[in-house]
Amino acid sequence: FFNLIDNPDTQEKFIDFLVQEALINSPELKNIGFNLNAVERNYKLNNWGRLVPTLGVQGQYNFDFIRSGKGTNVIAPFPQIPDQNYNLGLQLSLPIFQKNQRNINKQTAQISKDQLTIQKKDIVLNIEKNINDICLEVVNQFTKIEISKVSEKAAKESLELTQTSYENGAVPVIQLIDAQNNYLQSQLASETANYSFL
């Protein structure tokens, strides 16, 4: 894995692969895609659907089961009220005078489409930036681990030389303690680098 990221020849291809996978699996981009489709349908509806007629049909049937009580008897010169009746209604409308409203809806849909397109580009750029940042952070952490290993190895060799010199009486105890502290610090730095990576 580190060889893919650390090598400049493969790093760009690997990052491009990660970006493509992230773009394919991004729920934000899928959501914007659905919204763009809806806005496009709204735009087409307001563009071509100017004179779509509306047709309405309504029917009603009434039947009186019982008619009794005061005022239910009809006076002689008036005809008898029927026990059943029905109504039928038909409505047809043509939206001739809605041109301005449709133009406003069309412009609103176009503005929404432009906004969603800008948001989509912004999300794509953020995904690319985040993946580049993560890859650079991984390279940085690997580098810290390697540097801490080299530092630990050098501190260990220095401690061994200082111990040999101390045994021979060439260096004071203070220098031996400093070498031991340096070795312990380098071990701690190495463990911290590994822990930070994980």
Protein backbone atom coordinates (compact mmCIF):
# COMPACT_ATOMS: atom_id res chain seq x y z
CA PHE A 1 0.00 0.00 0.00
CA PHE A 2 2.75 2.42 0.96
CA ASN A 3 4.56 1.67 -2.31
CA LEU A 4 1.49 2.81 -4.26
CA ILE A 5 1.27 6.12 -2.41
CA ASP A 6 4.98 6.82 -2.00
CA ASN A 7 5.91 6.25 -5.64
CA PRO A 8 5.14 9.36 -7.76
CA ASP A 9 4.44 7.20 -10.83
CA THR A 10 1.70 5.18 -9.14
CA GLN A 11 0.50 7.79 -6.66
CA GLU A 12 -1.47 9.84 -9.20
CA LYS A 13 -3.13 6.75 -10.70
CA PHE A 14 -3.99 5.40 -7.25
CA ILE A 15 -5.47 8.72 -6.11
CA ASP A 16 -7.47 8.95 -9.37
CA PHE A 17 -8.82 5.47 -8.72
CA LEU A 18 -9.84 6.40 -5.16
CA VAL A 19 -11.49 9.61 -6.41
CA GLN A 20 -13.47 7.71 -9.06
CA GLU A 21 -14.67 5.16 -6.50
CA ALA A 22 -15.66 7.92 -4.08
CA LEU A 23 -17.57 9.76 -6.81
CA ILE A 24 -19.43 6.58 -7.81
CA ASN A 25 -20.42 5.81 -4.21
CA SER A 26 -21.16 9.36 -3.05
CA PRO A 27 -24.71 9.70 -1.68
CA GLU A 28 -24.52 13.48 -2.02
CA LEU A 29 -23.91 13.22 -5.77
CA LYS A 30 -26.72 10.69 -6.17
CA ASN A 31 -29.07 13.04 -4.33
CA ILE A 32 -28.09 15.98 -6.53
CA GLY A 33 -28.55 13.78 -9.60
CA PHE A 34 -32.12 12.98 -8.55
CA ASN A 35 -32.79 16.65 -7.86
CA LEU A 36 -31.38 17.64 -11.26
CA ASN A 37 -33.69 15.13 -12.96
CA ALA A 38 -36.70 16.54 -11.12
CA VAL A 39 -35.77 20.13 -12.01
CA GLU A 40 -35.26 19.13 -15.64
CA ARG A 41 -38.73 17.57 -15.76
CA ASN A 42 -40.19 20.72 -14.18
CA TYR A 43 -38.41 22.85 -16.78
CA LYS A 44 -39.76 20.72 -19.65
CA LEU A 45 -43.26 20.82 -18.19
CA ASN A 46 -43.22 24.61 -18.06
CA ASN A 47 -41.58 24.86 -21.46
CA TRP A 48 -43.84 22.58 -23.53
CA GLY A 49 -46.93 22.25 -21.39
CA ARG A 50 -48.34 25.74 -21.99
CA LEU A 51 -51.73 24.81 -23.44
CA VAL A 52 -52.43 21.53 -21.71
CA PRO A 53 -56.19 21.48 -21.06
CA THR A 54 -57.77 20.44 -17.79
CA LEU A 55 -60.92 18.35 -17.96
CA GLY A 56 -63.16 17.71 -14.96
CA VAL A 57 -66.30 15.60 -14.62
CA GLN A 58 -68.56 15.58 -11.57
CA GLY A 59 -71.74 13.62 -10.89
CA GLN A 60 -74.21 13.46 -8.00
CA TYR A 61 -77.34 11.40 -7.30
CA ASN A 62 -79.78 12.11 -4.44
CA PHE A 63 -82.65 9.97 -3.17
CA ASP A 64 -84.94 10.92 -0.28
CA PHE A 65 -85.94 7.85 1.70
CA ILE A 66 -88.37 9.55 4.05
CA ARG A 67 -89.90 12.97 3.79
CA SER A 68 -92.09 13.81 6.76
CA GLY A 69 -92.83 16.60 9.19
CA LYS A 70 -94.15 20.09 8.95
CA GLY A 71 -93.66 21.78 5.59
CA THR A 72 -93.16 18.59 3.62
CA ASN A 73 -96.55 18.72 1.95
CA VAL A 74 -96.58 20.83 -1.16
CA ILE A 75 -99.34 23.40 -1.64
CA ALA A 76 -101.64 22.68 -4.57
CA PRO A 77 -100.43 25.09 -7.29
CA PHE A 78 -96.80 23.89 -6.99
CA PRO A 79 -95.63 20.60 -8.50
CA GLN A 80 -94.69 17.66 -6.30
CA ILE A 81 -90.98 17.50 -5.25
CA PRO A 82 -89.37 14.35 -6.70
CA ASP A 83 -87.86 11.78 -4.33
CA GLN A 84 -84.76 11.39 -6.47
CA ASN A 85 -82.62 13.67 -8.59
CA TYR A 86 -79.20 13.72 -10.17
CA ASN A 87 -76.68 16.29 -11.38
CA LEU A 88 -73.90 15.99 -13.91
CA GLY A 89 -71.20 18.60 -14.42
CA LEU A 90 -68.44 18.95 -16.99
CA GLN A 91 -65.59 21.47 -16.84
CA LEU A 92 -62.94 22.22 -19.45
CA SER A 93 -60.25 24.85 -19.00
CA LEU A 94 -57.42 26.05 -21.20
CA PRO A 95 -54.60 27.93 -19.42
CA ILE A 96 -54.34 30.70 -22.00
CA PHE A 97 -53.57 33.50 -19.55
CA GLN A 98 -50.90 31.70 -17.49
CA LYS A 99 -47.98 32.47 -19.76
CA ASN A 100 -46.23 34.73 -17.24
CA GLN A 101 -46.58 32.20 -14.44
CA ARG A 102 -45.14 29.47 -16.67
CA ASN A 103 -42.25 31.73 -17.69
CA ILE A 104 -41.53 32.44 -14.03
CA ASN A 105 -41.66 28.72 -13.23
CA LYS A 106 -39.37 28.00 -16.18
CA GLN A 107 -36.83 30.62 -15.03
CA THR A 108 -37.01 29.32 -11.45
CA ALA A 109 -36.34 25.80 -12.69
CA GLN A 110 -33.35 27.03 -14.72
CA ILE A 111 -31.92 28.86 -11.69
CA SER A 112 -32.41 25.75 -9.55
CA LYS A 113 -30.67 23.65 -12.19
CA ASP A 114 -27.71 26.07 -12.28
CA GLN A 115 -27.47 26.03 -8.48
CA LEU A 116 -27.54 22.23 -8.37
CA THR A 117 -24.86 22.05 -11.07
CA ILE A 118 -22.64 24.38 -9.03
CA GLN A 119 -23.27 22.31 -5.89
CA LYS A 120 -22.37 19.15 -7.78
CA LYS A 121 -19.07 20.64 -8.97
CA ASP A 122 -18.35 21.82 -5.41
CA ILE A 123 -18.99 18.34 -3.99
CA VAL A 124 -16.73 16.75 -6.62
CA LEU A 125 -13.95 19.21 -5.76
CA ASN A 126 -14.39 18.57 -2.03
CA ILE A 127 -14.21 14.80 -2.55
CA GLU A 128 -11.02 15.15 -4.61
CA LYS A 129 -9.50 17.49 -2.01
CA ASN A 130 -10.38 15.21 0.91
CA ILE A 131 -8.90 12.15 -0.78
CA ASN A 132 -5.70 14.04 -1.67
CA ASP A 133 -5.45 15.30 1.92
CA ILE A 134 -5.94 11.80 3.32
CA CYS A 135 -3.32 10.31 0.99
CA LEU A 136 -0.82 13.02 1.87
CA GLU A 137 -1.51 12.46 5.56
CA VAL A 138 -0.86 8.72 5.12
CA VAL A 139 2.44 9.46 3.37
CA ASN A 140 3.31 11.89 6.16
CA GLN A 141 2.54 9.29 8.84
CA PHE A 142 4.57 6.61 7.04
CA THR A 143 7.45 9.05 6.77
CA LYS A 144 7.25 9.83 10.49
CA ILE A 145 7.31 6.11 11.28
CA GLU A 146 10.37 5.54 9.09
CA ILE A 147 12.20 8.55 10.52
CA SER A 148 11.44 7.45 14.09
CA LYS A 149 12.79 3.95 13.32
CA VAL A 150 16.01 5.42 11.94
CA SER A 151 16.26 7.74 14.93
CA GLU A 152 15.70 4.85 17.35
CA LYS A 153 18.37 2.77 15.64
CA ALA A 154 20.86 5.65 15.75
CA ALA A 155 20.09 6.30 19.44
CA LYS A 156 20.58 2.61 20.26
CA GLU A 157 23.95 2.55 18.49
CA SER A 158 24.92 5.75 20.29
CA LEU A 159 23.94 4.20 23.64
CA GLU A 160 25.98 1.06 22.91
CA LEU A 161 29.05 3.17 22.01
CA THR A 162 28.56 5.34 25.09
CA GLN A 163 28.23 2.23 27.31
CA THR A 164 31.45 0.83 25.86
CA SER A 165 33.19 4.15 26.37
CA TYR A 166 31.86 4.38 29.94
CA GLU A 167 33.09 0.88 30.72
CA ASN A 168 36.52 1.93 29.45
CA GLY A 169 36.35 5.12 31.53
CA ALA A 170 36.38 7.47 28.55
CA VAL A 171 33.06 9.26 29.28
CA PRO A 172 31.41 10.40 32.52
CA VAL A 173 28.17 8.93 33.89
CA ILE A 174 26.24 12.06 32.84
CA GLN A 175 26.96 11.34 29.18
CA LEU A 176 25.81 7.74 29.66
CA ILE A 177 22.55 8.96 31.26
CA ASP A 178 22.03 11.39 28.34
CA ALA A 179 22.50 8.54 25.83
CA GLN A 180 20.00 6.41 27.77
CA ASN A 181 17.49 9.30 27.81
CA ASN A 182 17.99 9.88 24.07
CA TYR A 183 17.34 6.19 23.39
CA LEU A 184 14.20 6.20 25.54
CA GLN A 185 12.96 9.37 23.84
CA SER A 186 13.52 7.85 20.39
CA GLN A 187 11.63 4.68 21.44
CA LEU A 188 8.78 6.85 22.70
CA ALA A 189 8.77 8.87 19.44
CA SER A 190 8.68 5.64 17.42
CA GLU A 191 5.73 4.27 19.41
CA THR A 192 3.92 7.63 19.18
CA ALA A 193 4.37 7.66 15.39
CA ASN A 194 2.93 4.13 15.14
CA TYR A 195 0.04 5.02 17.43
CA SER A 196 -0.72 8.21 15.49
CA PHE A 197 -0.85 6.25 12.26
CA LEU A 198 -3.30 3.73 13.67
